[in-house]
């Protein structure tokens, strides 16, 4: 089991859009395994994306609502119906804010062998798919916040009011 250290907000890799995966080989399969080991070793987690362990590749793993897996080079189709629940992130540990997301998400991409995959999610799984895809685009969940919630989140981040790495999802 290889748990990799999680990159924390302020690390440039978290703000850089990832490169698409073009080679489906043993190195990619090792990355998927390391991501899943990291996810399963992190408390209260729903997903981990490659940039969170310092790798610029469009790959993430998830474990939400009884669904566990990975997706490579994802694209999303989102419903117009919204949900607004608290969301957190391993890269901003200990902070949670109500974050608007689509209630339903369909993610299209590939598995580690290059086979097409489609994942349909509602509720928490839809939230996880959107959150992890945002990571691949160089976005953090706090970027989706608005108004007073956004101002409060940014204040707490600037003040360093988050927990030590790996303590929360």
C-alpha atoms as a PDB file:
ATOM      1  CA  UNK A   1       0.000   0.000   0.000  1.00  0.00           C
ATOM      2  CA  UNK A   2       1.487   3.333  -1.098  1.00  0.00           C
ATOM      3  CA  UNK A   3      -0.120   6.357   0.495  1.00  0.00           C
ATOM      4  CA  UNK A   4       1.196   9.525  -1.098  1.00  0.00           C
ATOM      5  CA  UNK A   5       1.362  12.900   0.703  1.00  0.00           C
ATOM      6  CA  UNK A   6      -1.484  15.273  -0.140  1.00  0.00           C
ATOM      7  CA  UNK A   7      -0.547  18.674  -1.563  1.00  0.00           C
ATOM      8  CA  UNK A   8      -2.050  21.573   0.379  1.00  0.00           C
ATOM      9  CA  UNK A   9      -3.543  24.825  -0.896  1.00  0.00           C
ATOM     10  CA  UNK A  10      -0.760  27.148  -1.970  1.00  0.00           C
ATOM     11  CA  UNK A  11       0.979  24.427  -3.993  1.00  0.00           C
ATOM     12  CA  UNK A  12       0.998  25.511  -7.659  1.00  0.00           C
ATOM     13  CA  UNK A  13       0.128  22.009  -8.910  1.00  0.00           C
ATOM     14  CA  UNK A  14      -3.371  22.438  -7.436  1.00  0.00           C
ATOM     15  CA  UNK A  15      -3.987  25.512  -9.608  1.00  0.00           C
ATOM     16  CA  UNK A  16      -2.617  24.136 -12.871  1.00  0.00           C
ATOM     17  CA  UNK A  17      -4.898  22.359 -15.366  1.00  0.00           C
ATOM     18  CA  UNK A  18      -3.720  18.781 -15.868  1.00  0.00           C
ATOM     19  CA  UNK A  19      -2.456  17.225 -19.051  1.00  0.00           C
ATOM     20  CA  UNK A  20      -4.683  14.585 -20.678  1.00  0.00           C
ATOM     21  CA  UNK A  21      -3.545  11.001 -20.326  1.00  0.00           C
ATOM     22  CA  UNK A  22      -2.385   9.614 -23.681  1.00  0.00           C
ATOM     23  CA  UNK A  23      -0.631   6.404 -22.625  1.00  0.00           C
ATOM     24  CA  UNK A  24      -2.494   3.631 -20.831  1.00  0.00           C
ATOM     25  CA  UNK A  25       0.398   1.607 -19.440  1.00  0.00           C
ATOM     26  CA  UNK A  26       1.802   0.106 -16.237  1.00  0.00           C
ATOM     27  CA  UNK A  27       2.853   3.558 -15.004  1.00  0.00           C
ATOM     28  CA  UNK A  28      -0.765   4.744 -15.250  1.00  0.00           C
ATOM     29  CA  UNK A  29      -2.010   1.632 -13.453  1.00  0.00           C
ATOM     30  CA  UNK A  30       0.536   2.303 -10.680  1.00  0.00           C
ATOM     31  CA  UNK A  31      -0.763   5.871 -10.403  1.00  0.00           C
ATOM     32  CA  UNK A  32      -4.362   4.638 -10.088  1.00  0.00           C
ATOM     33  CA  UNK A  33      -3.263   2.175  -7.385  1.00  0.00           C
ATOM     34  CA  UNK A  34      -1.374   4.877  -5.468  1.00  0.00           C
ATOM     35  CA  UNK A  35      -4.360   7.232  -5.711  1.00  0.00           C
ATOM     36  CA  UNK A  36      -6.720   4.552  -4.388  1.00  0.00           C
ATOM     37  CA  UNK A  37      -4.313   3.626  -1.555  1.00  0.00           C
ATOM     38  CA  UNK A  38      -4.075   7.314  -0.643  1.00  0.00           C
ATOM     39  CA  UNK A  39      -7.862   7.688  -0.743  1.00  0.00           C
ATOM     40  CA  UNK A  40      -8.521   4.622   1.386  1.00  0.00           C
ATOM     41  CA  UNK A  41      -5.923   5.751   3.924  1.00  0.00           C
ATOM     42  CA  UNK A  42      -7.432   9.228   4.309  1.00  0.00           C
ATOM     43  CA  UNK A  43     -10.225   9.640   6.866  1.00  0.00           C
ATOM     44  CA  UNK A  44     -13.603  10.968   5.724  1.00  0.00           C
ATOM     45  CA  UNK A  45     -12.673  10.987   2.070  1.00  0.00           C
ATOM     46  CA  UNK A  46     -14.666  10.821  -1.173  1.00  0.00           C
ATOM     47  CA  UNK A  47     -11.953  11.143  -3.799  1.00  0.00           C
ATOM     48  CA  UNK A  48      -8.369  12.013  -4.650  1.00  0.00           C
ATOM     49  CA  UNK A  49      -7.150  13.523  -7.913  1.00  0.00           C
ATOM     50  CA  UNK A  50      -3.650  13.180  -9.363  1.00  0.00           C
ATOM     51  CA  UNK A  51      -2.675  16.839  -8.775  1.00  0.00           C
ATOM     52  CA  UNK A  52      -3.374  16.348  -5.069  1.00  0.00           C
ATOM     53  CA  UNK A  53      -0.362  14.028  -4.982  1.00  0.00           C
ATOM     54  CA  UNK A  54       1.690  16.296  -7.237  1.00  0.00           C
ATOM     55  CA  UNK A  55       1.051  14.698 -10.627  1.00  0.00           C
ATOM     56  CA  UNK A  56      -0.350  16.640 -13.583  1.00  0.00           C
ATOM     57  CA  UNK A  57      -2.552  13.949 -15.128  1.00  0.00           C
ATOM     58  CA  UNK A  58      -6.302  13.867 -15.718  1.00  0.00           C
ATOM     59  CA  UNK A  59      -6.927  10.967 -13.314  1.00  0.00           C
ATOM     60  CA  UNK A  60      -8.975  10.643 -10.147  1.00  0.00           C
ATOM     61  CA  UNK A  61     -10.318   7.944  -7.857  1.00  0.00           C
ATOM     62  CA  UNK A  62     -13.548   8.054  -5.866  1.00  0.00           C
ATOM     63  CA  UNK A  63     -15.370   6.229  -3.083  1.00  0.00           C
ATOM     64  CA  UNK A  64     -18.822   7.737  -2.569  1.00  0.00           C
ATOM     65  CA  UNK A  65     -22.327   6.411  -1.906  1.00  0.00           C
ATOM     66  CA  UNK A  66     -21.159   2.796  -2.210  1.00  0.00           C
ATOM     67  CA  UNK A  67     -19.430   3.390  -5.558  1.00  0.00           C
ATOM     68  CA  UNK A  68     -15.664   3.043  -5.808  1.00  0.00           C
ATOM     69  CA  UNK A  69     -13.489   3.420  -8.872  1.00  0.00           C
ATOM     70  CA  UNK A  70     -11.377   5.671 -11.028  1.00  0.00           C
ATOM     71  CA  UNK A  71     -11.781   7.797 -14.126  1.00  0.00           C
ATOM     72  CA  UNK A  72      -9.268   9.087 -16.643  1.00  0.00           C
ATOM     73  CA  UNK A  73      -9.731  12.141 -18.907  1.00  0.00           C
ATOM     74  CA  UNK A  74     -13.242  12.833 -17.597  1.00  0.00           C
ATOM     75  CA  UNK A  75     -15.857  15.114 -19.096  1.00  0.00           C
ATOM     76  CA  UNK A  76     -19.055  15.960 -17.230  1.00  0.00           C
ATOM     77  CA  UNK A  77     -22.704  16.439 -18.099  1.00  0.00           C
ATOM     78  CA  UNK A  78     -24.475  18.268 -15.275  1.00  0.00           C
ATOM     79  CA  UNK A  79     -28.125  18.698 -14.394  1.00  0.00           C
ATOM     80  CA  UNK A  80     -29.580  22.136 -13.840  1.00  0.00           C
ATOM     81  CA  UNK A  81     -31.077  20.942 -10.543  1.00  0.00           C
ATOM     82  CA  UNK A  82     -28.792  21.971  -7.670  1.00  0.00           C
ATOM     83  CA  UNK A  83     -27.731  20.696  -4.265  1.00  0.00           C
ATOM     84  CA  UNK A  84     -26.053  22.839  -1.613  1.00  0.00           C
ATOM     85  CA  UNK A  85     -24.294  20.815   1.075  1.00  0.00           C
ATOM     86  CA  UNK A  86     -21.087  21.239   3.038  1.00  0.00           C
ATOM     87  CA  UNK A  87     -17.992  20.282   1.116  1.00  0.00           C
ATOM     88  CA  UNK A  88     -14.394  19.863   2.193  1.00  0.00           C
ATOM     89  CA  UNK A  89     -11.108  18.867   0.604  1.00  0.00           C
ATOM     90  CA  UNK A  90      -8.000  16.958   1.598  1.00  0.00           C
ATOM     91  CA  UNK A  91      -6.001  19.871   0.139  1.00  0.00           C
ATOM     92  CA  UNK A  92      -7.738  22.358   2.476  1.00  0.00           C
ATOM     93  CA  UNK A  93      -8.050  20.096   5.523  1.00  0.00           C
ATOM     94  CA  UNK A  94     -10.521  20.837   8.272  1.00  0.00           C
ATOM     95  CA  UNK A  95     -12.529  23.513   6.456  1.00  0.00           C
ATOM     96  CA  UNK A  96     -16.056  22.832   5.203  1.00  0.00           C
ATOM     97  CA  UNK A  97     -18.415  25.235   3.480  1.00  0.00           C
ATOM     98  CA  UNK A  98     -21.838  24.958   1.823  1.00  0.00           C
ATOM     99  CA  UNK A  99     -20.976  24.501  -1.840  1.00  0.00           C
ATOM    100  CA  UNK A 100     -23.471  24.574  -4.697  1.00  0.00           C
ATOM    101  CA  UNK A 101     -23.170  21.652  -7.108  1.00  0.00           C
ATOM    102  CA  UNK A 102     -25.373  19.988  -9.711  1.00  0.00           C
ATOM    103  CA  UNK A 103     -27.589  17.333  -8.137  1.00  0.00           C
ATOM    104  CA  UNK A 104     -26.918  14.861 -10.980  1.00  0.00           C
ATOM    105  CA  UNK A 105     -23.687  14.317 -12.900  1.00  0.00           C
ATOM    106  CA  UNK A 106     -22.715  11.959 -15.681  1.00  0.00           C
ATOM    107  CA  UNK A 107     -18.973  11.513 -16.100  1.00  0.00           C
ATOM    108  CA  UNK A 108     -17.530  10.102 -19.310  1.00  0.00           C
ATOM    109  CA  UNK A 109     -13.924   8.980 -19.531  1.00  0.00           C
ATOM    110  CA  UNK A 110     -11.745   5.896 -19.558  1.00  0.00           C
ATOM    111  CA  UNK A 111     -10.529   3.214 -17.194  1.00  0.00           C
ATOM    112  CA  UNK A 112      -6.847   2.441 -16.619  1.00  0.00           C
ATOM    113  CA  UNK A 113      -6.809   0.137 -19.654  1.00  0.00           C
ATOM    114  CA  UNK A 114      -8.231   2.764 -22.027  1.00  0.00           C
ATOM    115  CA  UNK A 115     -11.746   1.315 -22.089  1.00  0.00           C
ATOM    116  CA  UNK A 116     -14.605   3.867 -22.156  1.00  0.00           C
ATOM    117  CA  UNK A 117     -16.474   4.355 -18.868  1.00  0.00           C
ATOM    118  CA  UNK A 118     -19.567   6.283 -17.878  1.00  0.00           C
ATOM    119  CA  UNK A 119     -20.484   6.985 -14.259  1.00  0.00           C
ATOM    120  CA  UNK A 120     -23.904   8.357 -13.345  1.00  0.00           C
ATOM    121  CA  UNK A 121     -24.123   9.997  -9.951  1.00  0.00           C
ATOM    122  CA  UNK A 122     -26.726  11.722  -7.822  1.00  0.00           C
ATOM    123  CA  UNK A 123     -26.224  13.547  -4.553  1.00  0.00           C
ATOM    124  CA  UNK A 124     -22.889  12.803  -2.870  1.00  0.00           C
ATOM    125  CA  UNK A 125     -21.482  10.801  -5.793  1.00  0.00           C
ATOM    126  CA  UNK A 126     -22.373  13.637  -8.206  1.00  0.00           C
ATOM    127  CA  UNK A 127     -20.674  16.085  -5.831  1.00  0.00           C
ATOM    128  CA  UNK A 128     -17.525  13.905  -5.703  1.00  0.00           C
ATOM    129  CA  UNK A 129     -17.366  13.609  -9.516  1.00  0.00           C
ATOM    130  CA  UNK A 130     -17.610  17.389  -9.881  1.00  0.00           C
ATOM    131  CA  UNK A 131     -15.115  18.083  -7.071  1.00  0.00           C
ATOM    132  CA  UNK A 132     -12.478  15.719  -8.480  1.00  0.00           C
ATOM    133  CA  UNK A 133     -12.944  16.934 -12.064  1.00  0.00           C
ATOM    134  CA  UNK A 134     -12.473  20.495 -10.794  1.00  0.00           C
ATOM    135  CA  UNK A 135      -9.088  19.420  -9.374  1.00  0.00           C
ATOM    136  CA  UNK A 136      -8.063  18.262 -12.845  1.00  0.00           C
ATOM    137  CA  UNK A 137      -8.964  21.708 -14.192  1.00  0.00           C
ATOM    138  CA  UNK A 138      -6.877  23.537 -11.561  1.00  0.00           C
ATOM    139  CA  UNK A 139      -9.890  24.529  -9.451  1.00  0.00           C
ATOM    140  CA  UNK A 140     -10.606  24.032  -5.763  1.00  0.00           C
ATOM    141  CA  UNK A 141     -14.077  23.859  -4.268  1.00  0.00           C
ATOM    142  CA  UNK A 142     -13.621  27.277  -2.642  1.00  0.00           C
ATOM    143  CA  UNK A 143     -13.465  28.740  -6.167  1.00  0.00           C
ATOM    144  CA  UNK A 144     -17.159  27.874  -6.600  1.00  0.00           C
ATOM    145  CA  UNK A 145     -18.245  29.707  -3.444  1.00  0.00           C
ATOM    146  CA  UNK A 146     -19.992  33.071  -3.637  1.00  0.00           C
ATOM    147  CA  UNK A 147     -20.784  36.041  -1.403  1.00  0.00           C
ATOM    148  CA  UNK A 148     -20.264  35.861   2.361  1.00  0.00           C
ATOM    149  CA  UNK A 149     -19.389  32.157   2.251  1.00  0.00           C
ATOM    150  CA  UNK A 150     -16.538  32.820  -0.186  1.00  0.00           C
ATOM    151  CA  UNK A 151     -15.254  35.761   1.864  1.00  0.00           C
ATOM    152  CA  UNK A 152     -15.297  33.666   5.062  1.00  0.00           C
ATOM    153  CA  UNK A 153     -13.523  30.744   3.358  1.00  0.00           C
ATOM    154  CA  UNK A 154     -10.788  32.965   1.930  1.00  0.00           C
ATOM    155  CA  UNK A 155     -10.308  34.673   5.307  1.00  0.00           C
ATOM    156  CA  UNK A 156      -9.876  31.319   7.033  1.00  0.00           C
ATOM    157  CA  UNK A 157      -7.467  30.078   4.361  1.00  0.00           C
ATOM    158  CA  UNK A 158      -5.358  33.273   4.521  1.00  0.00           C
ATOM    159  CA  UNK A 159      -5.261  32.954   8.314  1.00  0.00           C
ATOM    160  CA  UNK A 160      -4.093  29.341   7.965  1.00  0.00           C
ATOM    161  CA  UNK A 161      -7.075  28.051   9.915  1.00  0.00           C
ATOM    162  CA  UNK A 162      -7.036  24.595   8.451  1.00  0.00           C
ATOM    163  CA  UNK A 163      -5.897  21.363  10.057  1.00  0.00           C
ATOM    164  CA  UNK A 164      -2.632  19.579   9.395  1.00  0.00           C
ATOM    165  CA  UNK A 165      -2.488  17.572   6.131  1.00  0.00           C
ATOM    166  CA  UNK A 166      -4.477  14.383   5.889  1.00  0.00           C
ATOM    167  CA  UNK A 167      -6.776  14.918   8.858  1.00  0.00           C
ATOM    168  CA  UNK A 168     -10.016  15.465   6.933  1.00  0.00           C
ATOM    169  CA  UNK A 169     -11.567  14.938   3.498  1.00  0.00           C
END
